[in-house]
Full PDB file with SEQRES, HELIX, SHEET, SSBOND, CRYST1, ORIGX, SCALE, CONECT and MASTER records, all heavy atoms in Angstrom:
SEQRES   1 A   41  PHE VAL ARG LEU LYS SER TRP ALA PRO VAL GLU ARG ILE          
SEQRES   2 A   41  VAL VAL GLY GLY GLY PHE SER ASP SER ARG VAL GLY GLN          
SEQRES   3 A   41  LEU ALA ILE GLY ARG ALA GLY ILE ILE LEU SER THR ASP          
SEQRES   4 A   41  GLY HIS                                                      
HELIX    1 AA1 GLY A   18  SER A   20  5                                   3    
HELIX    2 AA2 ARG A   23  THR A   38  1                                  16    
CRYST1    1.000    1.000    1.000  90.00  90.00  90.00 P 1           1          
ORIGX1      1.000000  0.000000  0.000000        0.00000                         
ORIGX2      0.000000  1.000000  0.000000        0.00000                         
ORIGX3      0.000000  0.000000  1.000000        0.00000                         
SCALE1      1.000000  0.000000  0.000000        0.00000                         
SCALE2      0.000000  1.000000  0.000000        0.00000                         
SCALE3      0.000000  0.000000  1.000000        0.00000                         
ATOM      1  N   PHE A   1       0.818  -1.207   0.000  1.00  0.00           N  
ATOM      2  CA  PHE A   1       0.000   0.000   0.000  1.00  0.00           C  
ATOM      3  C   PHE A   1       0.857   1.265   0.000  1.00  0.00           C  
ATOM      4  O   PHE A   1       0.564   2.224  -0.714  1.00  0.00           O  
ATOM      5  CB  PHE A   1      -0.948  -0.001   1.198  1.00  0.00           C  
ATOM      6  CG  PHE A   1      -2.285  -0.635   0.921  1.00  0.00           C  
ATOM      7  CD1 PHE A   1      -2.503  -1.976   1.214  1.00  0.00           C  
ATOM      8  CD2 PHE A   1      -3.314   0.089   0.350  1.00  0.00           C  
ATOM      9  CE1 PHE A   1      -3.735  -2.575   0.957  1.00  0.00           C  
ATOM     10  CE2 PHE A   1      -4.540  -0.501   0.080  1.00  0.00           C  
ATOM     11  CZ  PHE A   1      -4.750  -1.838   0.379  1.00  0.00           C  
ATOM     12  N   VAL A   2       1.902   1.291   0.833  1.00  0.00           N  
ATOM     13  CA  VAL A   2       2.689   2.524   0.956  1.00  0.00           C  
ATOM     14  C   VAL A   2       3.544   2.800  -0.266  1.00  0.00           C  
ATOM     15  O   VAL A   2       4.172   3.855  -0.360  1.00  0.00           O  
ATOM     16  CB  VAL A   2       3.563   2.510   2.239  1.00  0.00           C  
ATOM     17  CG1 VAL A   2       2.689   2.439   3.474  1.00  0.00           C  
ATOM     18  CG2 VAL A   2       4.577   1.373   2.215  1.00  0.00           C  
ATOM     19  N   ARG A   3       3.546   1.879  -1.210  1.00  0.00           N  
ATOM     20  CA  ARG A   3       4.218   2.166  -2.484  1.00  0.00           C  
ATOM     21  C   ARG A   3       3.342   3.016  -3.398  1.00  0.00           C  
ATOM     22  O   ARG A   3       3.810   3.544  -4.400  1.00  0.00           O  
ATOM     23  CB  ARG A   3       4.583   0.852  -3.183  1.00  0.00           C  
ATOM     24  CG  ARG A   3       5.783   0.151  -2.538  1.00  0.00           C  
ATOM     25  CD  ARG A   3       5.874  -1.312  -2.902  1.00  0.00           C  
ATOM     26  NE  ARG A   3       5.890  -1.566  -4.335  1.00  0.00           N  
ATOM     27  CZ  ARG A   3       5.942  -2.793  -4.867  1.00  0.00           C  
ATOM     28  NH1 ARG A   3       5.985  -3.842  -4.062  1.00  0.00           N  
ATOM     29  NH2 ARG A   3       5.955  -2.959  -6.166  1.00  0.00           N  
ATOM     30  N   LEU A   4       2.066   3.156  -3.058  1.00  0.00           N  
ATOM     31  CA  LEU A   4       1.148   3.961  -3.848  1.00  0.00           C  
ATOM     32  C   LEU A   4       1.279   5.432  -3.467  1.00  0.00           C  
ATOM     33  O   LEU A   4       1.576   5.770  -2.315  1.00  0.00           O  
ATOM     34  CB  LEU A   4      -0.289   3.494  -3.626  1.00  0.00           C  
ATOM     35  CG  LEU A   4      -0.578   2.028  -3.949  1.00  0.00           C  
ATOM     36  CD1 LEU A   4      -2.014   1.685  -3.565  1.00  0.00           C  
ATOM     37  CD2 LEU A   4      -0.348   1.752  -5.436  1.00  0.00           C  
ATOM     38  N   LYS A   5       1.003   6.302  -4.406  1.00  0.00           N  
ATOM     39  CA  LYS A   5       1.156   7.743  -4.185  1.00  0.00           C  
ATOM     40  C   LYS A   5       0.290   8.228  -3.035  1.00  0.00           C  
ATOM     41  O   LYS A   5       0.740   9.026  -2.194  1.00  0.00           O  
ATOM     42  CB  LYS A   5       0.802   8.498  -5.466  1.00  0.00           C  
ATOM     43  CG  LYS A   5       0.974  10.009  -5.364  1.00  0.00           C  
ATOM     44  CD  LYS A   5       0.650  10.696  -6.670  1.00  0.00           C  
ATOM     45  CE  LYS A   5       0.821  12.203  -6.548  1.00  0.00           C  
ATOM     46  NZ  LYS A   5       0.494  12.889  -7.833  1.00  0.00           N  
ATOM     47  N   SER A   6      -0.956   7.750  -2.961  1.00  0.00           N  
ATOM     48  CA  SER A   6      -1.874   8.226  -1.925  1.00  0.00           C  
ATOM     49  C   SER A   6      -1.481   7.748  -0.533  1.00  0.00           C  
ATOM     50  O   SER A   6      -1.832   8.378   0.470  1.00  0.00           O  
ATOM     51  CB  SER A   6      -3.307   7.784  -2.244  1.00  0.00           C  
ATOM     52  OG  SER A   6      -3.382   6.370  -2.370  1.00  0.00           O  
ATOM     53  N   TRP A   7      -0.754   6.632  -0.457  1.00  0.00           N  
ATOM     54  CA  TRP A   7      -0.364   6.070   0.836  1.00  0.00           C  
ATOM     55  C   TRP A   7       1.077   6.383   1.213  1.00  0.00           C  
ATOM     56  O   TRP A   7       1.460   6.186   2.364  1.00  0.00           O  
ATOM     57  CB  TRP A   7      -0.560   4.557   0.824  1.00  0.00           C  
ATOM     58  CG  TRP A   7      -1.954   4.121   1.130  1.00  0.00           C  
ATOM     59  CD1 TRP A   7      -3.075   4.340   0.382  1.00  0.00           C  
ATOM     60  CD2 TRP A   7      -2.395   3.390   2.281  1.00  0.00           C  
ATOM     61  NE1 TRP A   7      -4.177   3.797   0.980  1.00  0.00           N  
ATOM     62  CE2 TRP A   7      -3.802   3.193   2.146  1.00  0.00           C  
ATOM     63  CE3 TRP A   7      -1.760   2.858   3.396  1.00  0.00           C  
ATOM     64  CZ2 TRP A   7      -4.557   2.511   3.096  1.00  0.00           C  
ATOM     65  CZ3 TRP A   7      -2.500   2.173   4.349  1.00  0.00           C  
ATOM     66  CH2 TRP A   7      -3.886   2.010   4.188  1.00  0.00           C  
ATOM     67  N   ALA A   8       1.868   6.859   0.299  1.00  0.00           N  
ATOM     68  CA  ALA A   8       3.296   7.085   0.570  1.00  0.00           C  
ATOM     69  C   ALA A   8       3.543   8.002   1.772  1.00  0.00           C  
ATOM     70  O   ALA A   8       4.462   7.755   2.563  1.00  0.00           O  
ATOM     71  CB  ALA A   8       3.983   7.635  -0.675  1.00  0.00           C  
ATOM     72  N   PRO A   9       2.754   9.079   1.970  1.00  0.00           N  
ATOM     73  CA  PRO A   9       3.020   9.956   3.110  1.00  0.00           C  
ATOM     74  C   PRO A   9       2.363   9.531   4.422  1.00  0.00           C  
ATOM     75  O   PRO A   9       2.473  10.233   5.427  1.00  0.00           O  
ATOM     76  CB  PRO A   9       2.448  11.305   2.639  1.00  0.00           C  
ATOM     77  CG  PRO A   9       1.334  10.948   1.725  1.00  0.00           C  
ATOM     78  CD  PRO A   9       1.727   9.648   1.070  1.00  0.00           C  
ATOM     79  N   VAL A  10       1.681   8.384   4.445  1.00  0.00           N  
ATOM     80  CA  VAL A  10       0.939   7.949   5.637  1.00  0.00           C  
ATOM     81  C   VAL A  10       1.881   7.744   6.822  1.00  0.00           C  
ATOM     82  O   VAL A  10       2.900   7.068   6.717  1.00  0.00           O  
ATOM     83  CB  VAL A  10       0.153   6.654   5.337  1.00  0.00           C  
ATOM     84  CG1 VAL A  10      -0.317   5.992   6.631  1.00  0.00           C  
ATOM     85  CG2 VAL A  10      -1.033   6.960   4.437  1.00  0.00           C  
ATOM     86  N   GLU A  11       1.504   8.339   7.959  1.00  0.00           N  
ATOM     87  CA  GLU A  11       2.312   8.252   9.176  1.00  0.00           C  
ATOM     88  C   GLU A  11       1.743   7.255  10.188  1.00  0.00           C  
ATOM     89  O   GLU A  11       2.466   6.741  11.040  1.00  0.00           O  
ATOM     90  CB  GLU A  11       2.392   9.632   9.836  1.00  0.00           C  
ATOM     91  CG  GLU A  11       2.977  10.710   8.936  1.00  0.00           C  
ATOM     92  CD  GLU A  11       2.622  12.103   9.435  1.00  0.00           C  
ATOM     93  OE1 GLU A  11       3.186  12.504  10.470  1.00  0.00           O  
ATOM     94  OE2 GLU A  11       1.789  12.775   8.804  1.00  0.00           O  
ATOM     95  N   ARG A  12       0.422   7.023  10.119  1.00  0.00           N  
ATOM     96  CA  ARG A  12      -0.209   6.127  11.083  1.00  0.00           C  
ATOM     97  C   ARG A  12      -1.355   5.392  10.406  1.00  0.00           C  
ATOM     98  O   ARG A  12      -2.077   5.977   9.593  1.00  0.00           O  
ATOM     99  CB  ARG A  12      -0.729   6.913  12.283  1.00  0.00           C  
ATOM    100  CG  ARG A  12      -1.305   6.038  13.403  1.00  0.00           C  
ATOM    101  CD  ARG A  12      -1.702   6.902  14.596  1.00  0.00           C  
ATOM    102  NE  ARG A  12      -0.546   7.616  15.120  1.00  0.00           N  
ATOM    103  CZ  ARG A  12      -0.600   8.827  15.671  1.00  0.00           C  
ATOM    104  NH1 ARG A  12      -1.755   9.447  15.779  1.00  0.00           N  
ATOM    105  NH2 ARG A  12       0.498   9.398  16.118  1.00  0.00           N  
ATOM    106  N   ILE A  13      -1.506   4.121  10.747  1.00  0.00           N  
ATOM    107  CA  ILE A  13      -2.593   3.308  10.199  1.00  0.00           C  
ATOM    108  C   ILE A  13      -3.433   2.775  11.347  1.00  0.00           C  
ATOM    109  O   ILE A  13      -2.921   2.102  12.250  1.00  0.00           O  
ATOM    110  CB  ILE A  13      -2.051   2.139   9.355  1.00  0.00           C  
ATOM    111  CG1 ILE A  13      -1.211   2.653   8.185  1.00  0.00           C  
ATOM    112  CG2 ILE A  13      -3.217   1.286   8.832  1.00  0.00           C  
ATOM    113  CD1 ILE A  13      -0.511   1.552   7.403  1.00  0.00           C  
ATOM    114  N   VAL A  14      -4.709   3.098  11.314  1.00  0.00           N  
ATOM    115  CA  VAL A  14      -5.667   2.543  12.266  1.00  0.00           C  
ATOM    116  C   VAL A  14      -6.168   1.217  11.695  1.00  0.00           C  
ATOM    117  O   VAL A  14      -6.559   1.155  10.530  1.00  0.00           O  
ATOM    118  CB  VAL A  14      -6.867   3.491  12.466  1.00  0.00           C  
ATOM    119  CG1 VAL A  14      -7.880   2.867  13.416  1.00  0.00           C  
ATOM    120  CG2 VAL A  14      -6.395   4.840  12.978  1.00  0.00           C  
ATOM    121  N   VAL A  15      -6.141   0.170  12.489  1.00  0.00           N  
ATOM    122  CA  VAL A  15      -6.610  -1.136  12.029  1.00  0.00           C  
ATOM    123  C   VAL A  15      -7.905  -1.466  12.763  1.00  0.00           C  
ATOM    124  O   VAL A  15      -7.931  -1.550  13.995  1.00  0.00           O  
ATOM    125  CB  VAL A  15      -5.566  -2.242  12.269  1.00  0.00           C  
ATOM    126  CG1 VAL A  15      -6.061  -3.562  11.687  1.00  0.00           C  
ATOM    127  CG2 VAL A  15      -4.227  -1.844  11.631  1.00  0.00           C  
ATOM    128  N   GLY A  16      -8.989  -1.606  11.999  1.00  0.00           N  
ATOM    129  CA  GLY A  16     -10.287  -1.895  12.573  1.00  0.00           C  
ATOM    130  C   GLY A  16     -10.861  -3.182  12.029  1.00  0.00           C  
ATOM    131  O   GLY A  16     -10.140  -4.067  11.570  1.00  0.00           O  
ATOM    132  N   GLY A  17     -12.176  -3.276  12.036  1.00  0.00           N  
ATOM    133  CA  GLY A  17     -12.835  -4.506  11.640  1.00  0.00           C  
ATOM    134  C   GLY A  17     -12.958  -5.452  12.820  1.00  0.00           C  
ATOM    135  O   GLY A  17     -12.314  -5.278  13.867  1.00  0.00           O  
ATOM    136  N   GLY A  18     -13.787  -6.459  12.665  1.00  0.00           N  
ATOM    137  CA  GLY A  18     -14.057  -7.388  13.760  1.00  0.00           C  
ATOM    138  C   GLY A  18     -12.825  -8.095  14.300  1.00  0.00           C  
ATOM    139  O   GLY A  18     -12.754  -8.401  15.499  1.00  0.00           O  
ATOM    140  N   PHE A  19     -11.834  -8.343  13.469  1.00  0.00           N  
ATOM    141  CA  PHE A  19     -10.645  -9.069  13.897  1.00  0.00           C  
ATOM    142  C   PHE A  19      -9.868  -8.299  14.963  1.00  0.00           C  
ATOM    143  O   PHE A  19      -9.221  -8.896  15.829  1.00  0.00           O  
ATOM    144  CB  PHE A  19      -9.751  -9.356  12.693  1.00  0.00           C  
ATOM    145  CG  PHE A  19      -8.574 -10.247  12.989  1.00  0.00           C  
ATOM    146  CD1 PHE A  19      -8.754 -11.581  13.309  1.00  0.00           C  
ATOM    147  CD2 PHE A  19      -7.283  -9.753  12.947  1.00  0.00           C  
ATOM    148  CE1 PHE A  19      -7.669 -12.403  13.589  1.00  0.00           C  
ATOM    149  CE2 PHE A  19      -6.192 -10.565  13.213  1.00  0.00           C  
ATOM    150  CZ  PHE A  19      -6.382 -11.894  13.537  1.00  0.00           C  
ATOM    151  N   SER A  20      -9.933  -6.956  14.903  1.00  0.00           N  
ATOM    152  CA  SER A  20      -9.181  -6.147  15.863  1.00  0.00           C  
ATOM    153  C   SER A  20      -9.788  -6.186  17.258  1.00  0.00           C  
ATOM    154  O   SER A  20      -9.151  -5.789  18.231  1.00  0.00           O  
ATOM    155  CB  SER A  20      -9.099  -4.694  15.384  1.00  0.00           C  
ATOM    156  OG  SER A  20     -10.379  -4.089  15.379  1.00  0.00           O  
ATOM    157  N   ASP A  21     -11.023  -6.686  17.360  1.00  0.00           N  
ATOM    158  CA  ASP A  21     -11.705  -6.762  18.652  1.00  0.00           C  
ATOM    159  C   ASP A  21     -11.392  -8.083  19.346  1.00  0.00           C  
ATOM    160  O   ASP A  21     -12.272  -8.846  19.719  1.00  0.00           O  
ATOM    161  CB  ASP A  21     -13.218  -6.603  18.456  1.00  0.00           C  
ATOM    162  CG  ASP A  21     -13.984  -6.659  19.765  1.00  0.00           C  
ATOM    163  OD1 ASP A  21     -13.464  -6.125  20.765  1.00  0.00           O  
ATOM    164  OD2 ASP A  21     -15.078  -7.250  19.792  1.00  0.00           O  
ATOM    165  N   SER A  22     -10.130  -8.375  19.503  1.00  0.00           N  
ATOM    166  CA  SER A  22      -9.692  -9.598  20.184  1.00  0.00           C  
ATOM    167  C   SER A  22      -8.230  -9.430  20.545  1.00  0.00           C  
ATOM    168  O   SER A  22      -7.499  -8.626  19.952  1.00  0.00           O  
ATOM    169  CB  SER A  22      -9.850 -10.827  19.274  1.00  0.00           C  
ATOM    170  OG  SER A  22      -8.996 -10.738  18.146  1.00  0.00           O  
ATOM    171  N   ARG A  23      -7.792 -10.169  21.542  1.00  0.00           N  
ATOM    172  CA  ARG A  23      -6.383 -10.125  21.913  1.00  0.00           C  
ATOM    173  C   ARG A  23      -5.530 -10.673  20.782  1.00  0.00           C  
ATOM    174  O   ARG A  23      -4.438 -10.167  20.505  1.00  0.00           O  
ATOM    175  CB  ARG A  23      -6.161 -10.942  23.186  1.00  0.00           C  
ATOM    176  CG  ARG A  23      -4.748 -10.854  23.750  1.00  0.00           C  
ATOM    177  CD  ARG A  23      -4.407  -9.447  24.152  1.00  0.00           C  
ATOM    178  NE  ARG A  23      -3.085  -9.352  24.771  1.00  0.00           N  
ATOM    179  CZ  ARG A  23      -2.419  -8.214  24.908  1.00  0.00           C  
ATOM    180  NH1 ARG A  23      -2.944  -7.078  24.458  1.00  0.00           N  
ATOM    181  NH2 ARG A  23      -1.234  -8.193  25.492  1.00  0.00           N  
ATOM    182  N   VAL A  24      -6.037 -11.698  20.106  1.00  0.00           N  
ATOM    183  CA  VAL A  24      -5.319 -12.269  18.965  1.00  0.00           C  
ATOM    184  C   VAL A  24      -5.098 -11.210  17.890  1.00  0.00           C  
ATOM    185  O   VAL A  24      -3.982 -11.031  17.381  1.00  0.00           O  
ATOM    186  CB  VAL A  24      -6.099 -13.467  18.383  1.00  0.00           C  
ATOM    187  CG1 VAL A  24      -5.542 -13.866  17.018  1.00  0.00           C  
ATOM    188  CG2 VAL A  24      -6.042 -14.657  19.326  1.00  0.00           C  
ATOM    189  N   GLY A  25      -6.162 -10.480  17.548  1.00  0.00           N  
ATOM    190  CA  GLY A  25      -6.041  -9.442  16.525  1.00  0.00           C  
ATOM    191  C   GLY A  25      -5.107  -8.328  16.937  1.00  0.00           C  
ATOM    192  O   GLY A  25      -4.292  -7.852  16.137  1.00  0.00           O  
ATOM    193  N   GLN A  26      -5.196  -7.905  18.185  1.00  0.00           N  
ATOM    194  CA  GLN A  26      -4.350  -6.810  18.657  1.00  0.00           C  
ATOM    195  C   GLN A  26      -2.878  -7.204  18.665  1.00  0.00           C  
ATOM    196  O   GLN A  26      -2.003  -6.398  18.339  1.00  0.00           O  
ATOM    197  CB  GLN A  26      -4.813  -6.371  20.043  1.00  0.00           C  
ATOM    198  CG  GLN A  26      -6.165  -5.677  20.012  1.00  0.00           C  
ATOM    199  CD  GLN A  26      -6.810  -5.584  21.369  1.00  0.00           C  
ATOM    200  OE1 GLN A  26      -6.221  -5.956  22.396  1.00  0.00           O  
ATOM    201  NE2 GLN A  26      -8.040  -5.086  21.403  1.00  0.00           N  
ATOM    202  N   LEU A  27      -2.591  -8.458  19.034  1.00  0.00           N  
ATOM    203  CA  LEU A  27      -1.206  -8.932  18.995  1.00  0.00           C  
ATOM    204  C   LEU A  27      -0.687  -8.998  17.566  1.00  0.00           C  
ATOM    205  O   LEU A  27       0.479  -8.664  17.297  1.00  0.00           O  
ATOM    206  CB  LEU A  27      -1.096 -10.309  19.655  1.00  0.00           C  
ATOM    207  CG  LEU A  27      -1.221 -10.341  21.181  1.00  0.00           C  
ATOM    208  CD1 LEU A  27      -1.247 -11.782  21.676  1.00  0.00           C  
ATOM    209  CD2 LEU A  27      -0.082  -9.568  21.835  1.00  0.00           C  
ATOM    210  N   ALA A  28      -1.548  -9.415  16.638  1.00  0.00           N  
ATOM    211  CA  ALA A  28      -1.144  -9.469  15.231  1.00  0.00           C  
ATOM    212  C   ALA A  28      -0.838  -8.071  14.706  1.00  0.00           C  
ATOM    213  O   ALA A  28       0.140  -7.864  13.977  1.00  0.00           O  
ATOM    214  CB  ALA A  28      -2.239 -10.128  14.395  1.00  0.00           C  
ATOM    215  N   ILE A  29      -1.660  -7.101  15.097  1.00  0.00           N  
ATOM    216  CA  ILE A  29      -1.431  -5.713  14.671  1.00  0.00           C  
ATOM    217  C   ILE A  29      -0.125  -5.188  15.260  1.00  0.00           C  
ATOM    218  O   ILE A  29       0.695  -4.577  14.565  1.00  0.00           O  
ATOM    219  CB  ILE A  29      -2.619  -4.836  15.109  1.00  0.00           C  
ATOM    220  CG1 ILE A  29      -3.884  -5.235  14.355  1.00  0.00           C  
ATOM    221  CG2 ILE A  29      -2.306  -3.351  14.874  1.00  0.00           C  
ATOM    222  CD1 ILE A  29      -5.166  -4.682  14.948  1.00  0.00           C  
ATOM    223  N   GLY A  30       0.080  -5.446  16.551  1.00  0.00           N  
ATOM    224  CA  GLY A  30       1.309  -4.996  17.190  1.00  0.00           C  
ATOM    225  C   GLY A  30       2.546  -5.630  16.586  1.00  0.00           C  
ATOM    226  O   GLY A  30       3.564  -4.967  16.356  1.00  0.00           O  
ATOM    227  N   ARG A  31       2.457  -6.924  16.300  1.00  0.00           N  
ATOM    228  CA  ARG A  31       3.605  -7.629  15.712  1.00  0.00           C  
ATOM    229  C   ARG A  31       3.887  -7.114  14.309  1.00  0.00           C  
ATOM    230  O   ARG A  31       5.049  -6.929  13.936  1.00  0.00           O  
ATOM    231  CB  ARG A  31       3.318  -9.135  15.690  1.00  0.00           C  
ATOM    232  CG  ARG A  31       4.386  -9.976  14.989  1.00  0.00           C  
ATOM    233  CD  ARG A  31       5.741  -9.885  15.669  1.00  0.00           C  
ATOM    234  NE  ARG A  31       6.742 -10.657  14.941  1.00  0.00           N  
ATOM    235  CZ  ARG A  31       7.954 -10.206  14.627  1.00  0.00           C  
ATOM    236  NH1 ARG A  31       8.338  -8.980  14.998  1.00  0.00           N  
ATOM    237  NH2 ARG A  31       8.796 -10.980  13.964  1.00  0.00           N  
ATOM    238  N   ALA A  32       2.835  -6.860  13.517  1.00  0.00           N  
ATOM    239  CA  ALA A  32       3.038  -6.316  12.170  1.00  0.00           C  
ATOM    240  C   ALA A  32       3.726  -4.961  12.240  1.00  0.00           C  
ATOM    241  O   ALA A  32       4.592  -4.635  11.406  1.00  0.00           O  
ATOM    242  CB  ALA A  32       1.700  -6.200  11.445  1.00  0.00           C  
ATOM    243  N   GLY A  33       3.353  -4.153  13.251  1.00  0.00           N  
ATOM    244  CA  GLY A  33       4.000  -2.856  13.424  1.00  0.00           C  
ATOM    245  C   GLY A  33       5.486  -2.987  13.701  1.00  0.00           C  
ATOM    246  O   GLY A  33       6.300  -2.211  13.180  1.00  0.00           O  
ATOM    247  N   ILE A  34       5.853  -3.970  14.521  1.00  0.00           N  
ATOM    248  CA  ILE A  34       7.268  -4.204  14.828  1.00  0.00           C  
ATOM    249  C   ILE A  34       8.011  -4.658  13.574  1.00  0.00           C  
ATOM    250  O   ILE A  34       9.137  -4.223  13.310  1.00  0.00           O  
ATOM    251  CB  ILE A  34       7.404  -5.231  15.961  1.00  0.00           C  
ATOM    252  CG1 ILE A  34       6.894  -4.630  17.280  1.00  0.00           C  
ATOM    253  CG2 ILE A  34       8.853  -5.703  16.103  1.00  0.00           C  
ATOM    254  CD1 ILE A  34       6.852  -5.608  18.433  1.00  0.00           C  
ATOM    255  N   ILE A  35       7.400  -5.537  12.804  1.00  0.00           N  
ATOM    256  CA  ILE A  35       8.027  -6.012  11.560  1.00  0.00           C  
ATOM    257  C   ILE A  35       8.305  -4.835  10.627  1.00  0.00           C  
ATOM    258  O   ILE A  35       9.407  -4.700  10.061  1.00  0.00           O  
ATOM    259  CB  ILE A  35       7.117  -7.045  10.850  1.00  0.00           C  
ATOM    260  CG1 ILE A  35       7.015  -8.310  11.693  1.00  0.00           C  
ATOM    261  CG2 ILE A  35       7.648  -7.372   9.460  1.00  0.00           C  
ATOM    262  CD1 ILE A  35       5.933  -9.266  11.224  1.00  0.00           C  
ATOM    263  N   LEU A  36       7.332  -3.960  10.471  1.00  0.00           N  
ATOM    264  CA  LEU A  36       7.501  -2.793   9.597  1.00  0.00           C  
ATOM    265  C   LEU A  36       8.584  -1.870  10.131  1.00  0.00           C  
ATOM    266  O   LEU A  36       9.386  -1.325   9.364  1.00  0.00           O  
ATOM    267  CB  LEU A  36       6.175  -2.045   9.466  1.00  0.00           C  
ATOM    268  CG  LEU A  36       5.084  -2.774   8.681  1.00  0.00           C  
ATOM    269  CD1 LEU A  36       3.739  -2.090   8.879  1.00  0.00           C  
ATOM    270  CD2 LEU A  36       5.431  -2.814   7.196  1.00  0.00           C  
ATOM    271  N   SER A  37       8.604  -1.688  11.453  1.00  0.00           N  
ATOM    272  CA  SER A  37       9.604  -0.813  12.050  1.00  0.00           C  
ATOM    273  C   SER A  37      11.015  -1.339  11.828  1.00  0.00           C  
ATOM    274  O   SER A  37      11.931  -0.579  11.487  1.00  0.00           O  
ATOM    275  CB  SER A  37       9.337  -0.675  13.549  1.00  0.00           C  
ATOM    276  OG  SER A  37      10.322   0.129  14.172  1.00  0.00           O  
ATOM    277  N   THR A  38      11.210  -2.645  12.014  1.00  0.00           N  
ATOM    278  CA  THR A  38      12.540  -3.221  11.802  1.00  0.00           C  
ATOM    279  C   THR A  38      12.950  -3.184  10.333  1.00  0.00           C  
ATOM    280  O   THR A  38      14.132  -3.248  10.015  1.00  0.00           O  
ATOM    281  CB  THR A  38      12.592  -4.672  12.314  1.00  0.00           C  
ATOM    282  OG1 THR A  38      11.578  -5.449  11.659  1.00  0.00           O  
ATOM    283  CG2 THR A  38      12.357  -4.723  13.810  1.00  0.00           C  
ATOM    284  N   ASP A  39      11.959  -3.065   9.446  1.00  0.00           N  
ATOM    285  CA  ASP A  39      12.245  -2.929   8.018  1.00  0.00           C  
ATOM    286  C   ASP A  39      12.538  -1.489   7.617  1.00  0.00           C  
ATOM    287  O   ASP A  39      12.816  -1.198   6.445  1.00  0.00           O  
ATOM    288  CB  ASP A  39      11.060  -3.422   7.179  1.00  0.00           C  
ATOM    289  CG  ASP A  39      10.944  -4.938   7.176  1.00  0.00           C  
ATOM    290  OD1 ASP A  39      11.898  -5.591   7.635  1.00  0.00           O  
ATOM    291  OD2 ASP A  39       9.903  -5.458   6.728  1.00  0.00           O  
ATOM    292  N   GLY A  40      12.408  -0.572   8.571  1.00  0.00           N  
ATOM    293  CA  GLY A  40      12.698   0.827   8.279  1.00  0.00           C  
ATOM    294  C   GLY A  40      11.494   1.664   7.913  1.00  0.00           C  
ATOM    295  O   GLY A  40      11.641   2.827   7.524  1.00  0.00           O  
ATOM    296  N   HIS A  41      10.290   1.118   8.051  1.00  0.00           N  
ATOM    297  CA  HIS A  41       9.069   1.879   7.747  1.00  0.00           C  
ATOM    298  C   HIS A  41       8.617   2.617   9.011  1.00  0.00           C  
ATOM    299  O   HIS A  41       8.307   1.998  10.023  1.00  0.00           O  
ATOM    300  CB  HIS A  41       7.949   0.948   7.275  1.00  0.00           C  
ATOM    301  CG  HIS A  41       8.211   0.322   5.945  1.00  0.00           C  
ATOM    302  ND1 HIS A  41       8.019   0.985   4.756  1.00  0.00           N  
ATOM    303  CD2 HIS A  41       8.669  -0.913   5.613  1.00  0.00           C  
ATOM    304  CE1 HIS A  41       8.331   0.187   3.747  1.00  0.00           C  
ATOM    305  NE2 HIS A  41       8.734  -0.974   4.249  1.00  0.00           N  
TER     306      HIS A  41                                                      
MASTER        0    0    0    2    0    0    0    6  305    1    0    4          
END                                                                             
């Protein structure tokens, strides 16, 4: 997504939907954030 022009300047992404309403979903979101951070995003 961030390779697209409209998403390139994005600083924060809110993750919603039913999956985020669980500890499993929140851990997945947090882990994805760490992966992106270690990649330099």
